[in-house]
């Protein structure tokens, strides 16, 4: 896979509304997506161990920062399209190989500003 290099200083930080309007809706209707940092990956299932899902050839960088106390923090924001597997009408299976992906937030409402 060819690495996608963004211009110096560019940050891919779309809002939830922008993700839905310009990426998810296009994907749902089978339209081609603009070149971006949103990838398609199988995150769930028996063969989806987190350390096997992502590779060094994926087009993102890990941002490492140090604060005034030289405490290291790592920021990883990754946008991925994946297929979900439902356990029941209200529950999604988060099994990933030998573990689980943590659902850190519940459902949130995203309103259309237009």
C-alpha atoms as a PDB file:
ATOM      1  CA  UNK A   1       0.000   0.000   0.000  1.00  0.00           C
ATOM      2  CA  UNK A   2       1.328   3.414  -0.949  1.00  0.00           C
ATOM      3  CA  UNK A   3       1.662   5.812   1.986  1.00  0.00           C
ATOM      4  CA  UNK A   4      -0.637   8.838   1.876  1.00  0.00           C
ATOM      5  CA  UNK A   5       1.299  11.907   2.998  1.00  0.00           C
ATOM      6  CA  UNK A   6      -0.609  14.967   4.178  1.00  0.00           C
ATOM      7  CA  UNK A   7       0.719  18.484   3.703  1.00  0.00           C
ATOM      8  CA  UNK A   8       2.803  19.773   6.601  1.00  0.00           C
ATOM      9  CA  UNK A   9       0.556  21.096   9.384  1.00  0.00           C
ATOM     10  CA  UNK A  10      -2.612  19.372   8.142  1.00  0.00           C
ATOM     11  CA  UNK A  11      -4.703  17.548  10.759  1.00  0.00           C
ATOM     12  CA  UNK A  12      -7.555  15.218   9.876  1.00  0.00           C
ATOM     13  CA  UNK A  13      -9.988  16.128  12.663  1.00  0.00           C
ATOM     14  CA  UNK A  14     -13.521  15.990  11.224  1.00  0.00           C
ATOM     15  CA  UNK A  15     -16.514  16.624  13.457  1.00  0.00           C
ATOM     16  CA  UNK A  16     -19.047  13.832  14.007  1.00  0.00           C
ATOM     17  CA  UNK A  17     -21.426  15.594  11.606  1.00  0.00           C
ATOM     18  CA  UNK A  18     -18.718  15.860   8.916  1.00  0.00           C
ATOM     19  CA  UNK A  19     -17.909  12.164   9.313  1.00  0.00           C
ATOM     20  CA  UNK A  20     -21.563  11.259   8.737  1.00  0.00           C
ATOM     21  CA  UNK A  21     -22.275  13.749   5.948  1.00  0.00           C
ATOM     22  CA  UNK A  22     -19.114  13.428   3.860  1.00  0.00           C
ATOM     23  CA  UNK A  23     -17.864   9.918   4.598  1.00  0.00           C
ATOM     24  CA  UNK A  24     -20.439   7.536   6.101  1.00  0.00           C
ATOM     25  CA  UNK A  25     -23.332   8.611   3.856  1.00  0.00           C
ATOM     26  CA  UNK A  26     -21.122   8.314   0.750  1.00  0.00           C
ATOM     27  CA  UNK A  27     -19.960   4.870   1.890  1.00  0.00           C
ATOM     28  CA  UNK A  28     -23.549   3.740   2.595  1.00  0.00           C
ATOM     29  CA  UNK A  29     -24.637   4.706  -0.940  1.00  0.00           C
ATOM     30  CA  UNK A  30     -21.638   3.039  -2.608  1.00  0.00           C
ATOM     31  CA  UNK A  31     -20.054   6.314  -3.713  1.00  0.00           C
ATOM     32  CA  UNK A  32     -16.271   6.628  -3.936  1.00  0.00           C
ATOM     33  CA  UNK A  33     -14.746   8.228  -0.877  1.00  0.00           C
ATOM     34  CA  UNK A  34     -12.318  11.123  -1.039  1.00  0.00           C
ATOM     35  CA  UNK A  35      -8.770  10.087  -0.278  1.00  0.00           C
ATOM     36  CA  UNK A  36      -8.565  10.168   3.475  1.00  0.00           C
ATOM     37  CA  UNK A  37      -7.375   8.508   6.614  1.00  0.00           C
ATOM     38  CA  UNK A  38     -10.527   6.430   6.989  1.00  0.00           C
ATOM     39  CA  UNK A  39      -9.706   2.824   6.249  1.00  0.00           C
ATOM     40  CA  UNK A  40     -11.680  -0.401   5.987  1.00  0.00           C
ATOM     41  CA  UNK A  41     -10.579  -2.991   8.549  1.00  0.00           C
ATOM     42  CA  UNK A  42     -12.097  -6.089  10.126  1.00  0.00           C
ATOM     43  CA  UNK A  43     -11.982  -5.118  13.811  1.00  0.00           C
ATOM     44  CA  UNK A  44     -14.237  -7.868  15.140  1.00  0.00           C
ATOM     45  CA  UNK A  45     -14.148 -11.652  14.960  1.00  0.00           C
ATOM     46  CA  UNK A  46     -12.027 -14.642  15.912  1.00  0.00           C
ATOM     47  CA  UNK A  47      -9.032 -13.585  13.778  1.00  0.00           C
ATOM     48  CA  UNK A  48      -9.044  -9.883  14.650  1.00  0.00           C
ATOM     49  CA  UNK A  49      -6.437  -9.570  17.393  1.00  0.00           C
ATOM     50  CA  UNK A  50      -5.754  -5.835  17.802  1.00  0.00           C
ATOM     51  CA  UNK A  51      -1.997  -6.278  17.230  1.00  0.00           C
ATOM     52  CA  UNK A  52      -2.732  -8.068  13.930  1.00  0.00           C
ATOM     53  CA  UNK A  53      -5.345  -5.605  12.622  1.00  0.00           C
ATOM     54  CA  UNK A  54      -3.097  -2.568  12.168  1.00  0.00           C
ATOM     55  CA  UNK A  55       0.278  -2.533  10.463  1.00  0.00           C
ATOM     56  CA  UNK A  56       3.223  -0.232   9.871  1.00  0.00           C
ATOM     57  CA  UNK A  57       2.017   0.357   6.299  1.00  0.00           C
ATOM     58  CA  UNK A  58      -1.257   1.952   7.452  1.00  0.00           C
ATOM     59  CA  UNK A  59      -1.375   5.691   6.682  1.00  0.00           C
ATOM     60  CA  UNK A  60      -1.234   7.303  10.098  1.00  0.00           C
ATOM     61  CA  UNK A  61       1.333   8.386  12.573  1.00  0.00           C
ATOM     62  CA  UNK A  62       1.387   8.141  16.343  1.00  0.00           C
ATOM     63  CA  UNK A  63       1.817  11.521  17.964  1.00  0.00           C
ATOM     64  CA  UNK A  64       4.031  11.465  21.063  1.00  0.00           C
ATOM     65  CA  UNK A  65       4.073  14.528  23.307  1.00  0.00           C
ATOM     66  CA  UNK A  66       5.855  15.447  26.519  1.00  0.00           C
ATOM     67  CA  UNK A  67       4.417  17.939  29.010  1.00  0.00           C
ATOM     68  CA  UNK A  68       6.424  20.286  31.273  1.00  0.00           C
ATOM     69  CA  UNK A  69       7.038  17.375  33.694  1.00  0.00           C
ATOM     70  CA  UNK A  70       8.372  15.266  30.801  1.00  0.00           C
ATOM     71  CA  UNK A  71       5.392  12.924  31.111  1.00  0.00           C
ATOM     72  CA  UNK A  72       4.918  11.033  27.861  1.00  0.00           C
ATOM     73  CA  UNK A  73       1.470  10.832  26.284  1.00  0.00           C
ATOM     74  CA  UNK A  74       0.491   9.198  23.019  1.00  0.00           C
ATOM     75  CA  UNK A  75      -2.453  10.328  20.924  1.00  0.00           C
ATOM     76  CA  UNK A  76      -3.907   7.805  18.513  1.00  0.00           C
ATOM     77  CA  UNK A  77      -7.065   8.787  16.675  1.00  0.00           C
ATOM     78  CA  UNK A  78      -7.923   6.251  14.026  1.00  0.00           C
ATOM     79  CA  UNK A  79     -11.004   6.369  11.797  1.00  0.00           C
ATOM     80  CA  UNK A  80     -12.091   2.966  10.480  1.00  0.00           C
ATOM     81  CA  UNK A  81     -15.081   1.532   8.627  1.00  0.00           C
ATOM     82  CA  UNK A  82     -15.860  -1.973   9.900  1.00  0.00           C
ATOM     83  CA  UNK A  83     -18.730  -4.441   9.830  1.00  0.00           C
ATOM     84  CA  UNK A  84     -20.599  -4.965  13.093  1.00  0.00           C
ATOM     85  CA  UNK A  85     -21.921  -8.254  14.384  1.00  0.00           C
ATOM     86  CA  UNK A  86     -25.051  -7.987  16.507  1.00  0.00           C
ATOM     87  CA  UNK A  87     -25.661 -10.276  19.484  1.00  0.00           C
ATOM     88  CA  UNK A  88     -29.223  -8.992  19.847  1.00  0.00           C
ATOM     89  CA  UNK A  89     -31.208  -6.076  18.394  1.00  0.00           C
ATOM     90  CA  UNK A  90     -29.616  -3.723  20.952  1.00  0.00           C
ATOM     91  CA  UNK A  91     -26.188  -5.283  21.555  1.00  0.00           C
ATOM     92  CA  UNK A  92     -23.097  -5.467  19.350  1.00  0.00           C
ATOM     93  CA  UNK A  93     -20.433  -8.157  19.674  1.00  0.00           C
ATOM     94  CA  UNK A  94     -17.094  -6.496  20.421  1.00  0.00           C
ATOM     95  CA  UNK A  95     -15.071  -9.731  20.343  1.00  0.00           C
ATOM     96  CA  UNK A  96     -11.676  -9.194  18.762  1.00  0.00           C
ATOM     97  CA  UNK A  97      -9.583 -12.345  18.591  1.00  0.00           C
ATOM     98  CA  UNK A  98      -8.647 -13.260  22.149  1.00  0.00           C
ATOM     99  CA  UNK A  99     -10.093 -10.076  23.683  1.00  0.00           C
ATOM    100  CA  UNK A 100     -12.690  -7.336  23.352  1.00  0.00           C
ATOM    101  CA  UNK A 101     -12.741  -3.790  22.022  1.00  0.00           C
ATOM    102  CA  UNK A 102     -13.880  -1.500  24.817  1.00  0.00           C
ATOM    103  CA  UNK A 103     -17.053   0.470  24.108  1.00  0.00           C
ATOM    104  CA  UNK A 104     -16.051   3.652  25.915  1.00  0.00           C
ATOM    105  CA  UNK A 105     -19.149   5.659  25.162  1.00  0.00           C
ATOM    106  CA  UNK A 106     -22.778   4.874  24.699  1.00  0.00           C
ATOM    107  CA  UNK A 107     -24.915   6.119  21.849  1.00  0.00           C
ATOM    108  CA  UNK A 108     -24.673   9.835  21.173  1.00  0.00           C
ATOM    109  CA  UNK A 109     -27.043  12.028  19.198  1.00  0.00           C
ATOM    110  CA  UNK A 110     -25.549  13.926  16.270  1.00  0.00           C
ATOM    111  CA  UNK A 111     -27.756  16.703  14.920  1.00  0.00           C
ATOM    112  CA  UNK A 112     -27.657  18.023  11.368  1.00  0.00           C
ATOM    113  CA  UNK A 113     -26.773  21.718  11.481  1.00  0.00           C
ATOM    114  CA  UNK A 114     -28.498  22.415   8.159  1.00  0.00           C
END
